[in-house]
Structure formats: C-alpha cells, structure tokens
Amino acid sequence: MQENELIAVGNAYRICFNGDRFALPGMLGLDILAQLLERPGEDLRCDRLLGHAYGKPGIESLNEPRIDNRTRRNVIAAMESASAPGELAALQHYLDGSLHNKRTLRWRIGARVAVRRAILRAIGKIDQLSPHLARHIQSFVHTGQLCRYTPVAVVPWIIRTRFPVTHPVT
C-alpha cells in the first residue's frame, strides 16, 4: 500500500491518499492542511497557521490601548457562541487584559474566517479528484480559533510544505 503524502513540488502539491494519486496547484488551503496533517491531535491557532502558510509567523501582539466597552460587549457575545474549547479560553484571555488591543482580535477573527474558507476551497478542488480524501478531511479537520486534525485511527502522512515551519505553531 502506498503511503499517504502531501508534498510540495515547486508551486504545486503531489497528493496520494489510499491509492488516489493526483496533483493540485499550490493554494493557501493546502498549505494549511499540510500543517494540520503533520500534527494530528494538536490544537493549532488559526492566526499562526495562516502566518506560516504565507511563510511568515502569525501576529502576536500590537501595542495599542485597552479595549472599549463596545468591543468588550462583542467579545462577550462571541464567548457565548464559542464552539471550540480553546476559543472560549482565548476570548476570556483577551478580556482579562493579556491581549489588549482591537487589531489583534480582529486579526485573529479574520484569520479564523480566512483559514476556514481556504480549507473549504481546497476541499472543493480535492473532491473533484479524490472524493474519499475530501470526505476524510471534512470529517477530521476542525476549524475555529484553534484548528485540529483528529482522525479516529492513526493515518500516517509524508508532508513537505512550500513554506517549511521551523518553529511550533501551537
């Protein structure tokens, strides 16, 4: 049986999964999926996934004033609808003053949306060539402030990205 692989070759990816073998042009969603598949079971922050997919680290903090009341109410509303366990903790951390600027929160919320859209676009392209892999990704890749790949059984992957990650993205 062939190994599962997601390997960057120039500006494209060579993909093999359960015998399906195909290539796709490099795209943001594949860069993000490569990071998730490489670290199954780990919660990875979407802003850092996005930053590494672009070959740059995620934005950590910006020095700006504390949040205003309207932003605080929006954060509390987001906490009430938070679905991922780490998302609630991240928002609470923000309210506690550790992350006290609006641009960082906007970046993280924007990164969450960008990561989800990029993964969905990649799944759409994959589905045309390997519906089995598309279903696998839809079932086991979870997005939110924290993203993770959690297959039921161990699925070994050989991964080589266009922008190798040289430090943790957790």
Protein backbone atom coordinates (compact mmCIF):
# COMPACT_ATOMS: atom_id res chain seq x y z
CA MET A 1 0.00 0.00 0.00
CA GLN A 2 1.27 3.45 -0.90
CA GLU A 3 1.97 5.98 1.81
CA ASN A 4 -0.31 9.00 2.15
CA GLU A 5 1.52 12.11 1.10
CA LEU A 6 1.06 15.81 0.64
CA ILE A 7 4.28 17.03 -0.91
CA ALA A 8 5.05 20.45 -2.33
CA VAL A 9 6.80 20.26 -5.69
CA GLY A 10 7.58 23.77 -6.88
CA ASN A 11 4.31 25.70 -6.72
CA ALA A 12 2.11 22.58 -6.70
CA TYR A 13 1.26 19.69 -4.40
CA ARG A 14 1.56 16.00 -5.19
CA ILE A 15 -1.11 14.20 -3.19
CA CYS A 16 -1.61 10.50 -2.53
CA PHE A 17 -4.33 9.08 -0.29
CA ASN A 18 -5.48 5.44 -0.15
CA GLY A 19 -4.25 4.81 -3.68
CA ASP A 20 -5.65 8.01 -5.22
CA ARG A 21 -2.72 9.93 -6.70
CA PHE A 22 -3.07 13.43 -8.18
CA ALA A 23 -1.58 16.93 -8.22
CA LEU A 24 -3.07 20.32 -7.46
CA PRO A 25 -1.64 23.81 -7.84
CA GLY A 26 -0.34 25.29 -4.61
CA MET A 27 -3.04 27.09 -2.68
CA LEU A 28 -3.44 28.50 0.79
CA GLY A 29 -5.83 25.75 1.90
CA LEU A 30 -3.32 23.01 1.03
CA ASP A 31 -0.55 24.87 2.89
CA ILE A 32 -2.79 25.00 5.98
CA LEU A 33 -3.95 21.38 5.64
CA ALA A 34 -0.31 20.26 5.41
CA GLN A 35 0.40 21.85 8.79
CA LEU A 36 -2.66 20.19 10.36
CA LEU A 37 -2.00 16.74 8.87
CA GLU A 38 1.60 16.93 10.07
CA ARG A 39 0.47 17.39 13.71
CA PRO A 40 -2.61 15.21 14.32
CA GLY A 41 -4.45 15.76 17.58
CA GLU A 42 -2.79 19.12 18.31
CA ASP A 43 -4.70 22.38 18.67
CA LEU A 44 -3.09 24.92 16.36
CA ARG A 45 -4.03 28.61 16.43
CA CYS A 46 -5.53 29.74 13.15
CA ASP A 47 -3.63 33.04 13.07
CA ARG A 48 -0.34 31.16 13.30
CA LEU A 49 -1.43 28.57 10.73
CA LEU A 50 -2.25 31.40 8.36
CA GLY A 51 1.01 33.22 9.06
CA HIS A 52 3.10 30.10 8.45
CA ALA A 53 1.13 29.29 5.29
CA TYR A 54 2.26 32.67 3.98
CA GLY A 55 5.82 31.93 5.11
CA LYS A 56 5.62 34.44 8.00
CA PRO A 57 4.90 33.99 11.70
CA GLY A 58 1.43 34.93 12.97
CA ILE A 59 0.83 38.32 14.52
CA GLU A 60 1.31 38.01 18.26
CA SER A 61 0.54 41.43 19.67
CA LEU A 62 0.39 45.07 18.78
CA ASN A 63 0.81 47.89 21.26
CA GLU A 64 -2.49 49.72 21.35
CA PRO A 65 -4.84 50.94 24.08
CA ARG A 66 -7.12 48.65 26.07
CA ILE A 67 -10.49 47.66 24.58
CA ASP A 68 -13.53 49.92 24.78
CA ASN A 69 -16.95 48.87 26.13
CA ARG A 70 -18.47 48.12 22.72
CA THR A 71 -15.61 45.77 21.85
CA ARG A 72 -15.91 44.16 25.28
CA ARG A 73 -19.64 43.50 24.65
CA ASN A 74 -18.80 41.98 21.24
CA VAL A 75 -16.19 39.72 22.82
CA ILE A 76 -18.68 38.59 25.48
CA ALA A 77 -21.23 37.85 22.74
CA ALA A 78 -18.57 35.85 20.85
CA MET A 79 -17.84 33.92 24.06
CA GLU A 80 -21.49 32.92 24.31
CA SER A 81 -21.39 31.42 20.81
CA ALA A 82 -17.85 29.95 21.02
CA SER A 83 -17.81 26.35 19.79
CA ALA A 84 -14.18 25.23 20.18
CA PRO A 85 -12.90 24.74 23.75
CA GLY A 86 -9.81 26.87 23.11
CA GLU A 87 -11.86 29.63 21.51
CA LEU A 88 -13.63 30.40 24.80
CA ALA A 89 -10.31 30.41 26.67
CA ALA A 90 -8.73 32.72 24.07
CA LEU A 91 -11.61 35.20 24.34
CA GLN A 92 -11.50 35.11 28.15
CA HIS A 93 -7.74 35.69 27.97
CA TYR A 94 -8.45 38.72 25.79
CA LEU A 95 -10.96 40.12 28.28
CA ASP A 96 -8.55 39.61 31.16
CA GLY A 97 -6.30 42.20 29.57
CA SER A 98 -3.49 39.95 28.37
CA LEU A 99 -4.41 40.72 24.79
CA HIS A 100 -5.49 44.32 24.98
CA ASN A 101 -5.79 45.66 21.52
CA LYS A 102 -8.54 45.52 18.95
CA ARG A 103 -6.35 44.93 15.92
CA THR A 104 -5.01 41.66 17.31
CA LEU A 105 -8.55 40.40 18.00
CA ARG A 106 -9.69 41.48 14.53
CA TRP A 107 -6.64 39.73 13.01
CA ARG A 108 -7.46 36.51 14.89
CA ILE A 109 -11.14 36.59 13.94
CA GLY A 110 -10.21 37.40 10.34
CA ALA A 111 -7.63 34.61 10.37
CA ARG A 112 -10.24 32.13 11.58
CA VAL A 113 -12.53 33.04 8.68
CA ALA A 114 -9.67 33.02 6.15
CA VAL A 115 -8.43 29.60 7.32
CA ARG A 116 -11.90 28.08 7.12
CA ARG A 117 -12.55 29.49 3.63
CA ALA A 118 -9.12 28.39 2.37
CA ILE A 119 -9.66 24.85 3.66
CA LEU A 120 -13.14 24.69 2.11
CA ARG A 121 -11.74 25.85 -1.27
CA ALA A 122 -9.04 23.17 -1.07
CA ILE A 123 -11.61 20.51 -0.18
CA GLY A 124 -13.65 21.54 -3.24
CA LYS A 125 -10.62 21.03 -5.51
CA ILE A 126 -9.69 17.75 -3.81
CA ASP A 127 -13.27 16.46 -4.10
CA GLN A 128 -13.08 16.65 -7.90
CA LEU A 129 -10.10 14.25 -7.91
CA SER A 130 -10.47 12.23 -4.70
CA PRO A 131 -13.89 12.29 -3.04
CA HIS A 132 -12.59 9.84 -0.42
CA LEU A 133 -9.87 12.27 0.73
CA ALA A 134 -12.32 15.19 0.67
CA ARG A 135 -14.69 13.27 2.99
CA HIS A 136 -11.75 12.35 5.24
CA ILE A 137 -10.71 16.00 5.60
CA GLN A 138 -14.31 17.16 6.15
CA SER A 139 -14.72 14.56 8.89
CA PHE A 140 -11.47 15.02 10.77
CA VAL A 141 -10.32 18.62 10.29
CA HIS A 142 -11.96 21.04 12.71
CA THR A 143 -11.66 24.81 12.43
CA GLY A 144 -12.21 27.71 14.80
CA GLN A 145 -9.78 29.90 16.77
CA LEU A 146 -7.96 26.62 17.27
CA CYS A 147 -7.81 24.13 14.42
CA ARG A 148 -7.00 20.44 14.62
CA TYR A 149 -6.84 17.23 12.64
CA THR A 150 -8.24 14.35 14.70
CA PRO A 151 -8.56 11.11 12.74
CA VAL A 152 -10.18 8.19 14.58
CA ALA A 153 -7.22 5.94 13.76
CA VAL A 154 -3.62 6.91 13.09
CA VAL A 155 -3.22 7.99 9.46
CA PRO A 156 0.47 8.29 8.58
CA TRP A 157 1.36 11.17 6.26
CA ILE A 158 4.52 12.28 4.49
CA ILE A 159 4.34 16.07 4.45
CA ARG A 160 6.53 18.66 2.73
CA THR A 161 5.17 22.19 2.57
CA ARG A 162 6.04 25.12 0.35
CA PHE A 163 6.99 27.11 3.45
CA PRO A 164 8.55 24.73 5.99
CA VAL A 165 7.58 25.52 9.57
CA THR A 166 10.76 25.90 11.59
CA HIS A 167 9.14 26.58 14.97
CA PRO A 168 5.95 25.47 16.72
CA VAL A 169 2.65 26.93 15.55
CA THR A 170 0.70 25.99 18.68
